[in-house]
Amino acid sequence: VTFLAIAIYVWFRFEWQFAVGTVAALVHDVLVTVGIFALFQLKFDLTIVAGVLTVAGYSINDTVVVYDRIREMLKKYKKLPITQVIDISITSTLSRTLITSLATMLAAASMAFLGGPVLFGFAISIVFGIIIGTYSSIFVAAPMLIHLPGRLPGYKYTATDAAAPKAAS
């Protein structure tokens, strides 16, 4: 239900292609974060559930920031191919994303090492989740816009954009 509510919000704020990318990135982040606990056979309790929910919120925020920049650049660079517009957008948000992720990871890492066993699972889920969430905002959510059908508003498609899906399939 939460994924559906997030998809509807992003759909109304951006466009349906952005909503699909957001939900794909969110599912990726939650599954990989939970998968890390399964892989290392760590105890999964309510504090880790809280950490996973924190990661989901962090990931949504990061994805929306990247998508907002993509939408802004789609209007600004109407004649560039969509791949270059997405590249410019990611590059312009990369420093902000990495600095925010690093600052949050430092706080979470200090909780993991200084917070004792009660906060360890929560902090570790946040540390792994931030790495995974940052990765998915850049490498999962943004490229989804290239591969989904339909036109993005504010962007004038060129002959290279029309030929790109045919060459890829």
Foldseek 3Di string as FASTA:
>chain_A
DVLVVQLVVVCVVFNNLLSVLLSVLLVQLLVVLVVVCVVVVPDDDPLLVVLSVVLSVVLSVLLVQLVVLLLVLQQVCQPDASVVSSVVSCVVCVVVLVVVLVVLLVVLVCCLVPVPPVCNSSSVSNNSSSVSSSCSSNPRRSCSSLVDDDDGPNHHHDPCSVCVVVVVD
